[in-house]
Amino acid sequence: MKKILLVDDEESIHLLYREEFEEEGYEVHSSLRGTDALEKFKIISPDLVILDINMPDMNGIEVLRQMKEVNPKLPIILSTAYHEYKQDLGAWASDEYIVKSSDLSELKEAVHRYLAK
């Protein structure tokens, strides 16, 4: 079973994404904070990460950088409510940049594409 690590500081996002992706047969692990996500990342070795940018303890772009240093081939999808981070050079290290929406089709499509490899 493919493992997804979801990193977002919003509980509602965790509930929604967990339900959606577990229904599709993925094992979903989640973290509300960047520092916790880095610890879980080392323990579970996810197949894909869905990562928010704005979090209270650590910027998602810094989390992205640290994860890519350890595993450069790991697909990481930045999922944020803000368009403006797309111009941040740090965000370019992500494999996909998706603006959060109530319609999860773009996110689901990206997850399927990366985990089908």
PDB file of N, CA and C in Angstrom:
ATOM      1  N   MET A   1       0.851  -1.175   0.000  1.00  0.00           N
ATOM      2  CA  MET A   1       0.000   0.000   0.000  1.00  0.00           C
ATOM      3  C   MET A   1       0.899   1.242   0.000  1.00  0.00           C
ATOM      4  N   LYS A   2       0.600   2.170  -0.890  1.00  0.00           N
ATOM      5  CA  LYS A   2       1.376   3.413  -0.992  1.00  0.00           C
ATOM      6  C   LYS A   2       1.040   4.318   0.184  1.00  0.00           C
ATOM      7  N   LYS A   3       2.097   4.987   0.709  1.00  0.00           N
ATOM      8  CA  LYS A   3       1.942   5.859   1.876  1.00  0.00           C
ATOM      9  C   LYS A   3       2.033   7.325   1.477  1.00  0.00           C
ATOM     10  N   ILE A   4       1.069   8.092   1.984  1.00  0.00           N
ATOM     11  CA  ILE A   4       1.040   9.543   1.782  1.00  0.00           C
ATOM     12  C   ILE A   4       1.253  10.196   3.138  1.00  0.00           C
ATOM     13  N   LEU A   5       2.134  11.190   3.172  1.00  0.00           N
ATOM     14  CA  LEU A   5       2.296  12.019   4.368  1.00  0.00           C
ATOM     15  C   LEU A   5       1.647  13.360   4.073  1.00  0.00           C
ATOM     16  N   LEU A   6       0.629  13.688   4.840  1.00  0.00           N
ATOM     17  CA  LEU A   6      -0.101  14.949   4.700  1.00  0.00           C
ATOM     18  C   LEU A   6       0.370  15.899   5.784  1.00  0.00           C
ATOM     19  N   VAL A   7       0.841  17.078   5.381  1.00  0.00           N
ATOM     20  CA  VAL A   7       1.340  18.071   6.327  1.00  0.00           C
ATOM     21  C   VAL A   7       0.555  19.363   6.125  1.00  0.00           C
ATOM     22  N   ASP A   8      -0.296  19.676   7.092  1.00  0.00           N
ATOM     23  CA  ASP A   8      -1.147  20.866   7.006  1.00  0.00           C
ATOM     24  C   ASP A   8      -1.594  21.219   8.415  1.00  0.00           C
ATOM     25  N   ASP A   9      -1.676  22.503   8.717  1.00  0.00           N
ATOM     26  CA  ASP A   9      -2.054  22.916  10.072  1.00  0.00           C
ATOM     27  C   ASP A   9      -3.566  23.020  10.264  1.00  0.00           C
ATOM     28  N   GLU A  10      -4.354  22.689   9.255  1.00  0.00           N
ATOM     29  CA  GLU A  10      -5.810  22.757   9.365  1.00  0.00           C
ATOM     30  C   GLU A  10      -6.392  21.354   9.567  1.00  0.00           C
ATOM     31  N   GLU A  11      -7.046  21.157  10.699  1.00  0.00           N
ATOM     32  CA  GLU A  11      -7.661  19.863  11.019  1.00  0.00           C
ATOM     33  C   GLU A  11      -8.671  19.436   9.960  1.00  0.00           C
ATOM     34  N   SER A  12      -9.438  20.387   9.444  1.00  0.00           N
ATOM     35  CA  SER A  12     -10.474  20.050   8.458  1.00  0.00           C
ATOM     36  C   SER A  12      -9.861  19.465   7.183  1.00  0.00           C
ATOM     37  N   ILE A  13      -8.701  19.966   6.797  1.00  0.00           N
ATOM     38  CA  ILE A  13      -8.003  19.436   5.620  1.00  0.00           C
ATOM     39  C   ILE A  13      -7.586  17.989   5.886  1.00  0.00           C
ATOM     40  N   HIS A  14      -7.102  17.729   7.087  1.00  0.00           N
ATOM     41  CA  HIS A  14      -6.704  16.360   7.443  1.00  0.00           C
ATOM     42  C   HIS A  14      -7.882  15.399   7.324  1.00  0.00           C
ATOM     43  N   LEU A  15      -9.012  15.794   7.868  1.00  0.00           N
ATOM     44  CA  LEU A  15     -10.190  14.933   7.827  1.00  0.00           C
ATOM     45  C   LEU A  15     -10.631  14.663   6.389  1.00  0.00           C
ATOM     46  N   LEU A  16     -10.705  15.707   5.597  1.00  0.00           N
ATOM     47  CA  LEU A  16     -11.153  15.585   4.213  1.00  0.00           C
ATOM     48  C   LEU A  16     -10.182  14.744   3.387  1.00  0.00           C
ATOM     49  N   TYR A  17      -8.901  15.091   3.406  1.00  0.00           N
ATOM     50  CA  TYR A  17      -7.911  14.389   2.588  1.00  0.00           C
ATOM     51  C   TYR A  17      -7.759  12.937   3.038  1.00  0.00           C
ATOM     52  N   ARG A  18      -7.749  12.707   4.354  1.00  0.00           N
ATOM     53  CA  ARG A  18      -7.611  11.338   4.864  1.00  0.00           C
ATOM     54  C   ARG A  18      -8.756  10.472   4.333  1.00  0.00           C
ATOM     55  N   GLU A  19      -9.976  10.977   4.466  1.00  0.00           N
ATOM     56  CA  GLU A  19     -11.140  10.221   4.004  1.00  0.00           C
ATOM     57  C   GLU A  19     -11.053   9.935   2.510  1.00  0.00           C
ATOM     58  N   GLU A  20     -10.736  10.949   1.730  1.00  0.00           N
ATOM     59  CA  GLU A  20     -10.680  10.801   0.276  1.00  0.00           C
ATOM     60  C   GLU A  20      -9.598   9.810  -0.156  1.00  0.00           C
ATOM     61  N   PHE A  21      -8.400   9.940   0.401  1.00  0.00           N
ATOM     62  CA  PHE A  21      -7.294   9.105  -0.059  1.00  0.00           C
ATOM     63  C   PHE A  21      -7.307   7.699   0.537  1.00  0.00           C
ATOM     64  N   GLU A  22      -7.838   7.539   1.734  1.00  0.00           N
ATOM     65  CA  GLU A  22      -7.967   6.188   2.288  1.00  0.00           C
ATOM     66  C   GLU A  22      -9.022   5.401   1.521  1.00  0.00           C
ATOM     67  N   GLU A  23     -10.073   6.070   1.076  1.00  0.00           N
ATOM     68  CA  GLU A  23     -11.097   5.416   0.243  1.00  0.00           C
ATOM     69  C   GLU A  23     -10.496   4.886  -1.052  1.00  0.00           C
ATOM     70  N   GLU A  24      -9.436   5.523  -1.517  1.00  0.00           N
ATOM     71  CA  GLU A  24      -8.791   5.113  -2.760  1.00  0.00           C
ATOM     72  C   GLU A  24      -7.663   4.114  -2.522  1.00  0.00           C
ATOM     73  N   GLY A  25      -7.518   3.675  -1.271  1.00  0.00           N
ATOM     74  CA  GLY A  25      -6.565   2.615  -0.979  1.00  0.00           C
ATOM     75  C   GLY A  25      -5.182   3.039  -0.537  1.00  0.00           C
ATOM     76  N   TYR A  26      -5.009   4.316  -0.229  1.00  0.00           N
ATOM     77  CA  TYR A  26      -3.715   4.791   0.250  1.00  0.00           C
ATOM     78  C   TYR A  26      -3.671   4.771   1.774  1.00  0.00           C
ATOM     79  N   GLU A  27      -2.477   4.598   2.307  1.00  0.00           N
ATOM     80  CA  GLU A  27      -2.247   4.707   3.748  1.00  0.00           C
ATOM     81  C   GLU A  27      -1.867   6.163   4.005  1.00  0.00           C
ATOM     82  N   VAL A  28      -2.651   6.865   4.813  1.00  0.00           N
ATOM     83  CA  VAL A  28      -2.426   8.295   5.031  1.00  0.00           C
ATOM     84  C   VAL A  28      -1.914   8.543   6.443  1.00  0.00           C
ATOM     85  N   HIS A  29      -0.772   9.205   6.525  1.00  0.00           N
ATOM     86  CA  HIS A  29      -0.204   9.658   7.790  1.00  0.00           C
ATOM     87  C   HIS A  29      -0.290  11.175   7.767  1.00  0.00           C
ATOM     88  N   SER A  30      -0.497  11.785   8.919  1.00  0.00           N
ATOM     89  CA  SER A  30      -0.645  13.234   8.894  1.00  0.00           C
ATOM     90  C   SER A  30       0.100  13.910  10.025  1.00  0.00           C
ATOM     91  N   SER A  31       0.361  15.176   9.781  1.00  0.00           N
ATOM     92  CA  SER A  31       1.057  16.009  10.751  1.00  0.00           C
ATOM     93  C   SER A  31       0.530  17.431  10.641  1.00  0.00           C
ATOM     94  N   LEU A  32       0.367  18.072  11.799  1.00  0.00           N
ATOM     95  CA  LEU A  32      -0.120  19.458  11.831  1.00  0.00           C
ATOM     96  C   LEU A  32       1.015  20.478  11.834  1.00  0.00           C
ATOM     97  N   ARG A  33       2.248  20.013  12.018  1.00  0.00           N
ATOM     98  CA  ARG A  33       3.394  20.919  12.147  1.00  0.00           C
ATOM     99  C   ARG A  33       4.568  20.410  11.305  1.00  0.00           C
ATOM    100  N   GLY A  34       5.348  21.333  10.814  1.00  0.00           N
ATOM    101  CA  GLY A  34       6.500  20.977   9.987  1.00  0.00           C
ATOM    102  C   GLY A  34       7.536  20.144  10.714  1.00  0.00           C
ATOM    103  N   THR A  35       7.833  20.502  11.958  1.00  0.00           N
ATOM    104  CA  THR A  35       8.852  19.756  12.705  1.00  0.00           C
ATOM    105  C   THR A  35       8.405  18.315  12.940  1.00  0.00           C
ATOM    106  N   ASP A  36       7.144  18.128  13.267  1.00  0.00           N
ATOM    107  CA  ASP A  36       6.598  16.786  13.452  1.00  0.00           C
ATOM    108  C   ASP A  36       6.628  16.013  12.127  1.00  0.00           C
ATOM    109  N   ALA A  37       6.347  16.692  11.046  1.00  0.00           N
ATOM    110  CA  ALA A  37       6.346  16.059   9.727  1.00  0.00           C
ATOM    111  C   ALA A  37       7.735  15.530   9.378  1.00  0.00           C
ATOM    112  N   LEU A  38       8.765  16.276   9.709  1.00  0.00           N
ATOM    113  CA  LEU A  38      10.124  15.823   9.419  1.00  0.00           C
ATOM    114  C   LEU A  38      10.466  14.559  10.201  1.00  0.00           C
ATOM    115  N   GLU A  39       9.977  14.458  11.423  1.00  0.00           N
ATOM    116  CA  GLU A  39      10.190  13.242  12.218  1.00  0.00           C
ATOM    117  C   GLU A  39       9.439  12.059  11.606  1.00  0.00           C
ATOM    118  N   LYS A  40       8.176  12.260  11.257  1.00  0.00           N
ATOM    119  CA  LYS A  40       7.381  11.192  10.651  1.00  0.00           C
ATOM    120  C   LYS A  40       7.968  10.768   9.311  1.00  0.00           C
ATOM    121  N   PHE A  41       8.463  11.717   8.567  1.00  0.00           N
ATOM    122  CA  PHE A  41       9.093  11.466   7.270  1.00  0.00           C
ATOM    123  C   PHE A  41      10.220  10.442   7.416  1.00  0.00           C
ATOM    124  N   LYS A  42      11.029  10.589   8.447  1.00  0.00           N
ATOM    125  CA  LYS A  42      12.146   9.660   8.683  1.00  0.00           C
ATOM    126  C   LYS A  42      11.644   8.275   9.076  1.00  0.00           C
ATOM    127  N   ILE A  43      10.565   8.218   9.813  1.00  0.00           N
ATOM    128  CA  ILE A  43      10.059   6.950  10.344  1.00  0.00           C
ATOM    129  C   ILE A  43       9.262   6.155   9.311  1.00  0.00           C
ATOM    130  N   ILE A  44       8.360   6.813   8.583  1.00  0.00           N
ATOM    131  CA  ILE A  44       7.441   6.065   7.709  1.00  0.00           C
ATOM    132  C   ILE A  44       7.904   5.947   6.262  1.00  0.00           C
ATOM    133  N   SER A  45       8.877   6.751   5.830  1.00  0.00           N
ATOM    134  CA  SER A  45       9.332   6.738   4.430  1.00  0.00           C
ATOM    135  C   SER A  45       8.153   6.794   3.457  1.00  0.00           C
ATOM    136  N   PRO A  46       7.480   7.943   3.389  1.00  0.00           N
ATOM    137  CA  PRO A  46       6.294   8.044   2.529  1.00  0.00           C
ATOM    138  C   PRO A  46       6.649   7.924   1.047  1.00  0.00           C
ATOM    139  N   ASP A  47       5.655   7.555   0.261  1.00  0.00           N
ATOM    140  CA  ASP A  47       5.815   7.480  -1.193  1.00  0.00           C
ATOM    141  C   ASP A  47       5.507   8.823  -1.843  1.00  0.00           C
ATOM    142  N   LEU A  48       4.800   9.693  -1.098  1.00  0.00           N
ATOM    143  CA  LEU A  48       4.413  11.009  -1.596  1.00  0.00           C
ATOM    144  C   LEU A  48       4.069  11.890  -0.395  1.00  0.00           C
ATOM    145  N   VAL A  49       4.332  13.196  -0.533  1.00  0.00           N
ATOM    146  CA  VAL A  49       4.004  14.157   0.519  1.00  0.00           C
ATOM    147  C   VAL A  49       3.099  15.239  -0.058  1.00  0.00           C
ATOM    148  N   ILE A  50       2.028  15.544   0.658  1.00  0.00           N
ATOM    149  CA  ILE A  50       1.179  16.699   0.346  1.00  0.00           C
ATOM    150  C   ILE A  50       1.472  17.709   1.439  1.00  0.00           C
ATOM    151  N   LEU A  51       1.957  18.875   1.056  1.00  0.00           N
ATOM    152  CA  LEU A  51       2.545  19.809   2.007  1.00  0.00           C
ATOM    153  C   LEU A  51       1.969  21.212   1.876  1.00  0.00           C
ATOM    154  N   ASP A  52       1.482  21.741   2.984  1.00  0.00           N
ATOM    155  CA  ASP A  52       1.018  23.135   3.045  1.00  0.00           C
ATOM    156  C   ASP A  52       2.245  24.036   3.181  1.00  0.00           C
ATOM    157  N   ILE A  53       2.110  25.297   2.855  1.00  0.00           N
ATOM    158  CA  ILE A  53       3.235  26.232   2.986  1.00  0.00           C
ATOM    159  C   ILE A  53       3.173  26.986   4.300  1.00  0.00           C
ATOM    160  N   ASN A  54       2.029  27.596   4.604  1.00  0.00           N
ATOM    161  CA  ASN A  54       1.911  28.396   5.825  1.00  0.00           C
ATOM    162  C   ASN A  54       1.548  27.518   7.014  1.00  0.00           C
ATOM    163  N   MET A  55       2.507  27.357   7.908  1.00  0.00           N
ATOM    164  CA  MET A  55       2.278  26.588   9.137  1.00  0.00           C
ATOM    165  C   MET A  55       2.889  27.370  10.289  1.00  0.00           C
ATOM    166  N   PRO A  56       2.414  27.131  11.499  1.00  0.00           N
ATOM    167  CA  PRO A  56       2.851  27.957  12.624  1.00  0.00           C
ATOM    168  C   PRO A  56       4.310  27.792  13.045  1.00  0.00           C
ATOM    169  N   ASP A  57       4.870  26.610  12.918  1.00  0.00           N
ATOM    170  CA  ASP A  57       6.209  26.404  13.455  1.00  0.00           C
ATOM    171  C   ASP A  57       7.312  26.447  12.416  1.00  0.00           C
ATOM    172  N   MET A  58       7.002  26.103  11.191  1.00  0.00           N
ATOM    173  CA  MET A  58       8.031  25.992  10.165  1.00  0.00           C
ATOM    174  C   MET A  58       7.384  26.163   8.801  1.00  0.00           C
ATOM    175  N   ASN A  59       7.970  26.968   7.968  1.00  0.00           N
ATOM    176  CA  ASN A  59       7.473  27.207   6.631  1.00  0.00           C
ATOM    177  C   ASN A  59       7.549  25.918   5.811  1.00  0.00           C
ATOM    178  N   GLY A  60       6.511  25.620   5.049  1.00  0.00           N
ATOM    179  CA  GLY A  60       6.475  24.414   4.239  1.00  0.00           C
ATOM    180  C   GLY A  60       7.588  24.334   3.213  1.00  0.00           C
ATOM    181  N   ILE A  61       8.055  25.477   2.734  1.00  0.00           N
ATOM    182  CA  ILE A  61       9.148  25.457   1.755  1.00  0.00           C
ATOM    183  C   ILE A  61      10.435  24.969   2.416  1.00  0.00           C
ATOM    184  N   GLU A  62      10.639  25.291   3.690  1.00  0.00           N
ATOM    185  CA  GLU A  62      11.795  24.770   4.421  1.00  0.00           C
ATOM    186  C   GLU A  62      11.648  23.270   4.647  1.00  0.00           C
ATOM    187  N   VAL A  63      10.444  22.817   4.954  1.00  0.00           N
ATOM    188  CA  VAL A  63      10.189  21.379   5.117  1.00  0.00           C
ATOM    189  C   VAL A  63      10.480  20.671   3.793  1.00  0.00           C
ATOM    190  N   LEU A  64       9.999  21.239   2.704  1.00  0.00           N
ATOM    191  CA  LEU A  64      10.251  20.704   1.361  1.00  0.00           C
ATOM    192  C   LEU A  64      11.751  20.564   1.109  1.00  0.00           C
ATOM    193  N   ARG A  65      12.495  21.605   1.394  1.00  0.00           N
ATOM    194  CA  ARG A  65      13.941  21.602   1.158  1.00  0.00           C
ATOM    195  C   ARG A  65      14.614  20.476   1.938  1.00  0.00           C
ATOM    196  N   GLN A  66      14.250  20.336   3.205  1.00  0.00           N
ATOM    197  CA  GLN A  66      14.875  19.312   4.038  1.00  0.00           C
ATOM    198  C   GLN A  66      14.511  17.901   3.576  1.00  0.00           C
ATOM    199  N   MET A  67      13.273  17.705   3.163  1.00  0.00           N
ATOM    200  CA  MET A  67      12.873  16.382   2.672  1.00  0.00           C
ATOM    201  C   MET A  67      13.588  16.042   1.367  1.00  0.00           C
ATOM    202  N   LYS A  68      13.688  17.013   0.469  1.00  0.00           N
ATOM    203  CA  LYS A  68      14.356  16.784  -0.821  1.00  0.00           C
ATOM    204  C   LYS A  68      15.852  16.531  -0.647  1.00  0.00           C
ATOM    205  N   GLU A  69      16.457  17.105   0.398  1.00  0.00           N
ATOM    206  CA  GLU A  69      17.868  16.829   0.666  1.00  0.00           C
ATOM    207  C   GLU A  69      18.074  15.358   1.006  1.00  0.00           C
ATOM    208  N   VAL A  70      17.116  14.775   1.717  1.00  0.00           N
ATOM    209  CA  VAL A  70      17.205  13.371   2.118  1.00  0.00           C
ATOM    210  C   VAL A  70      16.794  12.445   0.969  1.00  0.00           C
ATOM    211  N   ASN A  71      15.724  12.808   0.270  1.00  0.00           N
ATOM    212  CA  ASN A  71      15.202  11.969  -0.810  1.00  0.00           C
ATOM    213  C   ASN A  71      14.786  12.847  -1.988  1.00  0.00           C
ATOM    214  N   PRO A  72      15.732  13.165  -2.884  1.00  0.00           N
ATOM    215  CA  PRO A  72      15.426  14.071  -3.997  1.00  0.00           C
ATOM    216  C   PRO A  72      14.357  13.562  -4.959  1.00  0.00           C
ATOM    217  N   LYS A  73      14.126  12.260  -5.006  1.00  0.00           N
ATOM    218  CA  LYS A  73      13.147  11.703  -5.945  1.00  0.00           C
ATOM    219  C   LYS A  73      11.738  11.604  -5.369  1.00  0.00           C
ATOM    220  N   LEU A  74      11.591  11.906  -4.077  1.00  0.00           N
ATOM    221  CA  LEU A  74      10.279  11.836  -3.437  1.00  0.00           C
ATOM    222  C   LEU A  74       9.352  12.889  -4.032  1.00  0.00           C
ATOM    223  N   PRO A  75       8.173  12.475  -4.557  1.00  0.00           N
ATOM    224  CA  PRO A  75       7.233  13.473  -5.068  1.00  0.00           C
ATOM    225  C   PRO A  75       6.605  14.259  -3.913  1.00  0.00           C
ATOM    226  N   ILE A  76       6.704  15.579  -4.016  1.00  0.00           N
ATOM    227  CA  ILE A  76       6.117  16.462  -3.013  1.00  0.00           C
ATOM    228  C   ILE A  76       5.197  17.445  -3.724  1.00  0.00           C
ATOM    229  N   ILE A  77       3.948  17.451  -3.284  1.00  0.00           N
ATOM    230  CA  ILE A  77       2.938  18.352  -3.842  1.00  0.00           C
ATOM    231  C   ILE A  77       2.698  19.465  -2.839  1.00  0.00           C
ATOM    232  N   LEU A  78       2.968  20.698  -3.250  1.00  0.00           N
ATOM    233  CA  LEU A  78       2.633  21.846  -2.405  1.00  0.00           C
ATOM    234  C   LEU A  78       1.154  22.138  -2.615  1.00  0.00           C
ATOM    235  N   SER A  79       0.432  22.178  -1.532  1.00  0.00           N
ATOM    236  CA  SER A  79      -1.000  22.454  -1.572  1.00  0.00           C
ATOM    237  C   SER A  79      -1.260  23.626  -0.635  1.00  0.00           C
ATOM    238  N   THR A  80      -1.567  24.763  -1.212  1.00  0.00           N
ATOM    239  CA  THR A  80      -1.683  25.984  -0.415  1.00  0.00           C
ATOM    240  C   THR A  80      -2.879  26.813  -0.854  1.00  0.00           C
ATOM    241  N   ALA A  81      -3.310  27.694  -0.003  1.00  0.00           N
ATOM    242  CA  ALA A  81      -4.429  28.587  -0.330  1.00  0.00           C
ATOM    243  C   ALA A  81      -3.946  29.841  -1.058  1.00  0.00           C
ATOM    244  N   TYR A  82      -2.645  29.977  -1.249  1.00  0.00           N
ATOM    245  CA  TYR A  82      -2.075  31.213  -1.782  1.00  0.00           C
ATOM    246  C   TYR A  82      -1.401  31.012  -3.137  1.00  0.00           C
ATOM    247  N   HIS A  83      -1.781  31.833  -4.098  1.00  0.00           N
ATOM    248  CA  HIS A  83      -1.180  31.791  -5.426  1.00  0.00           C
ATOM    249  C   HIS A  83       0.233  32.362  -5.425  1.00  0.00           C
ATOM    250  N   GLU A  84       0.477  33.344  -4.571  1.00  0.00           N
ATOM    251  CA  GLU A  84       1.723  34.114  -4.664  1.00  0.00           C
ATOM    252  C   GLU A  84       2.994  33.329  -4.353  1.00  0.00           C
ATOM    253  N   TYR A  85       2.886  32.214  -3.653  1.00  0.00           N
ATOM    254  CA  TYR A  85       4.086  31.429  -3.353  1.00  0.00           C
ATOM    255  C   TYR A  85       4.627  30.711  -4.583  1.00  0.00           C
ATOM    256  N   LYS A  86       3.836  30.636  -5.617  1.00  0.00           N
ATOM    257  CA  LYS A  86       4.280  29.963  -6.837  1.00  0.00           C
ATOM    258  C   LYS A  86       5.520  30.645  -7.421  1.00  0.00           C
ATOM    259  N   GLN A  87       5.684  31.917  -7.137  1.00  0.00           N
ATOM    260  CA  GLN A  87       6.835  32.665  -7.641  1.00  0.00           C
ATOM    261  C   GLN A  87       8.082  32.481  -6.771  1.00  0.00           C
ATOM    262  N   ASP A  88       7.931  31.909  -5.599  1.00  0.00           N
ATOM    263  CA  ASP A  88       9.049  31.681  -4.684  1.00  0.00           C
ATOM    264  C   ASP A  88       9.940  30.580  -5.250  1.00  0.00           C
ATOM    265  N   LEU A  89      11.200  30.858  -5.413  1.00  0.00           N
ATOM    266  CA  LEU A  89      12.124  29.873  -5.985  1.00  0.00           C
ATOM    267  C   LEU A  89      12.136  28.573  -5.189  1.00  0.00           C
ATOM    268  N   GLY A  90      11.937  28.639  -3.884  1.00  0.00           N
ATOM    269  CA  GLY A  90      11.906  27.436  -3.059  1.00  0.00           C
ATOM    270  C   GLY A  90      10.766  26.516  -3.441  1.00  0.00           C
ATOM    271  N   ALA A  91       9.660  27.094  -3.885  1.00  0.00           N
ATOM    272  CA  ALA A  91       8.492  26.299  -4.281  1.00  0.00           C
ATOM    273  C   ALA A  91       8.758  25.518  -5.561  1.00  0.00           C
ATOM    274  N   TRP A  92       9.725  25.955  -6.344  1.00  0.00           N
ATOM    275  CA  TRP A  92      10.026  25.285  -7.604  1.00  0.00           C
ATOM    276  C   TRP A  92      10.614  23.892  -7.387  1.00  0.00           C
ATOM    277  N   ALA A  93      11.086  23.604  -6.191  1.00  0.00           N
ATOM    278  CA  ALA A  93      11.626  22.269  -5.894  1.00  0.00           C
ATOM    279  C   ALA A  93      10.512  21.243  -5.737  1.00  0.00           C
ATOM    280  N   SER A  94       9.281  21.713  -5.601  1.00  0.00           N
ATOM    281  CA  SER A  94       8.158  20.783  -5.486  1.00  0.00           C
ATOM    282  C   SER A  94       7.873  20.163  -6.850  1.00  0.00           C
ATOM    283  N   ASP A  95       7.190  19.054  -6.840  1.00  0.00           N
ATOM    284  CA  ASP A  95       6.843  18.383  -8.084  1.00  0.00           C
ATOM    285  C   ASP A  95       5.542  18.929  -8.667  1.00  0.00           C
ATOM    286  N   GLU A  96       4.744  19.535  -7.796  1.00  0.00           N
ATOM    287  CA  GLU A  96       3.452  20.078  -8.218  1.00  0.00           C
ATOM    288  C   GLU A  96       3.074  21.192  -7.247  1.00  0.00           C
ATOM    289  N   TYR A  97       2.388  22.216  -7.756  1.00  0.00           N
ATOM    290  CA  TYR A  97       1.917  23.330  -6.931  1.00  0.00           C
ATOM    291  C   TYR A  97       0.423  23.444  -7.181  1.00  0.00           C
ATOM    292  N   ILE A  98      -0.374  23.156  -6.162  1.00  0.00           N
ATOM    293  CA  ILE A  98      -1.822  23.160  -6.323  1.00  0.00           C
ATOM    294  C   ILE A  98      -2.446  24.103  -5.301  1.00  0.00           C
ATOM    295  N   VAL A  99      -3.294  24.985  -5.777  1.00  0.00           N
ATOM    296  CA  VAL A  99      -4.019  25.889  -4.892  1.00  0.00           C
ATOM    297  C   VAL A  99      -5.224  25.126  -4.342  1.00  0.00           C
ATOM    298  N   LYS A 100      -5.379  25.156  -3.018  1.00  0.00           N
ATOM    299  CA  LYS A 100      -6.473  24.425  -2.358  1.00  0.00           C
ATOM    300  C   LYS A 100      -7.821  24.855  -2.910  1.00  0.00           C
ATOM    301  N   SER A 101      -8.687  23.855  -3.002  1.00  0.00           N
ATOM    302  CA  SER A 101     -10.029  24.080  -3.530  1.00  0.00           C
ATOM    303  C   SER A 101     -10.956  23.032  -2.932  1.00  0.00           C
ATOM    304  N   SER A 102     -12.237  23.308  -2.945  1.00  0.00           N
ATOM    305  CA  SER A 102     -13.196  22.297  -2.493  1.00  0.00           C
ATOM    306  C   SER A 102     -13.288  21.155  -3.514  1.00  0.00           C
ATOM    307  N   ASP A 103     -12.872  21.418  -4.731  1.00  0.00           N
ATOM    308  CA  ASP A 103     -12.811  20.398  -5.780  1.00  0.00           C
ATOM    309  C   ASP A 103     -11.424  19.749  -5.711  1.00  0.00           C
ATOM    310  N   LEU A 104     -11.373  18.504  -5.298  1.00  0.00           N
ATOM    311  CA  LEU A 104     -10.094  17.811  -5.109  1.00  0.00           C
ATOM    312  C   LEU A 104      -9.597  17.100  -6.367  1.00  0.00           C
ATOM    313  N   SER A 105     -10.259  17.284  -7.491  1.00  0.00           N
ATOM    314  CA  SER A 105      -9.890  16.526  -8.686  1.00  0.00           C
ATOM    315  C   SER A 105      -8.452  16.788  -9.135  1.00  0.00           C
ATOM    316  N   GLU A 106      -7.981  18.019  -9.087  1.00  0.00           N
ATOM    317  CA  GLU A 106      -6.609  18.322  -9.503  1.00  0.00           C
ATOM    318  C   GLU A 106      -5.606  17.649  -8.566  1.00  0.00           C
ATOM    319  N   LEU A 107      -5.852  17.713  -7.272  1.00  0.00           N
ATOM    320  CA  LEU A 107      -4.966  17.081  -6.299  1.00  0.00           C
ATOM    321  C   LEU A 107      -4.976  15.561  -6.464  1.00  0.00           C
ATOM    322  N   LYS A 108      -6.148  14.987  -6.598  1.00  0.00           N
ATOM    323  CA  LYS A 108      -6.258  13.531  -6.764  1.00  0.00           C
ATOM    324  C   LYS A 108      -5.542  13.069  -8.031  1.00  0.00           C
ATOM    325  N   GLU A 109      -5.716  13.816  -9.087  1.00  0.00           N
ATOM    326  CA  GLU A 109      -5.068  13.479 -10.355  1.00  0.00           C
ATOM    327  C   GLU A 109      -3.544  13.485 -10.190  1.00  0.00           C
ATOM    328  N   ALA A 110      -3.026  14.487  -9.513  1.00  0.00           N
ATOM    329  CA  ALA A 110      -1.581  14.565  -9.288  1.00  0.00           C
ATOM    330  C   ALA A 110      -1.096  13.403  -8.423  1.00  0.00           C
ATOM    331  N   VAL A 111      -1.814  13.091  -7.360  1.00  0.00           N
ATOM    332  CA  VAL A 111      -1.435  11.977  -6.484  1.00  0.00           C
ATOM    333  C   VAL A 111      -1.403  10.682  -7.283  1.00  0.00           C
ATOM    334  N   HIS A 112      -2.439  10.428  -8.058  1.00  0.00           N
ATOM    335  CA  HIS A 112      -2.487   9.198  -8.866  1.00  0.00           C
ATOM    336  C   HIS A 112      -1.321   9.150  -9.862  1.00  0.00           C
ATOM    337  N   ARG A 113      -1.045  10.260 -10.474  1.00  0.00           N
ATOM    338  CA  ARG A 113       0.033  10.315 -11.484  1.00  0.00           C
ATOM    339  C   ARG A 113       1.379   9.963 -10.860  1.00  0.00           C
ATOM    340  N   TYR A 114       1.671  10.540  -9.689  1.00  0.00           N
ATOM    341  CA  TYR A 114       2.976  10.289  -9.061  1.00  0.00           C
ATOM    342  C   TYR A 114       3.069   8.912  -8.418  1.00  0.00           C
ATOM    343  N   LEU A 115       1.972   8.408  -7.890  1.00  0.00           N
ATOM    344  CA  LEU A 115       2.032   7.105  -7.224  1.00  0.00           C
ATOM    345  C   LEU A 115       1.856   5.934  -8.205  1.00  0.00           C
ATOM    346  N   ALA A 116       1.485   6.213  -9.420  1.00  0.00           N
ATOM    347  CA  ALA A 116       1.380   5.164 -10.429  1.00  0.00           C
ATOM    348  C   ALA A 116       2.748   4.785 -10.988  1.00  0.00           C
ATOM    349  N   LYS A 117       3.740   5.622 -10.745  1.00  0.00           N
ATOM    350  CA  LYS A 117       5.099   5.375 -11.281  1.00  0.00           C
ATOM    351  C   LYS A 117       5.774   4.242 -10.566  1.00  0.00           C
TER     352      LYS A 117
END
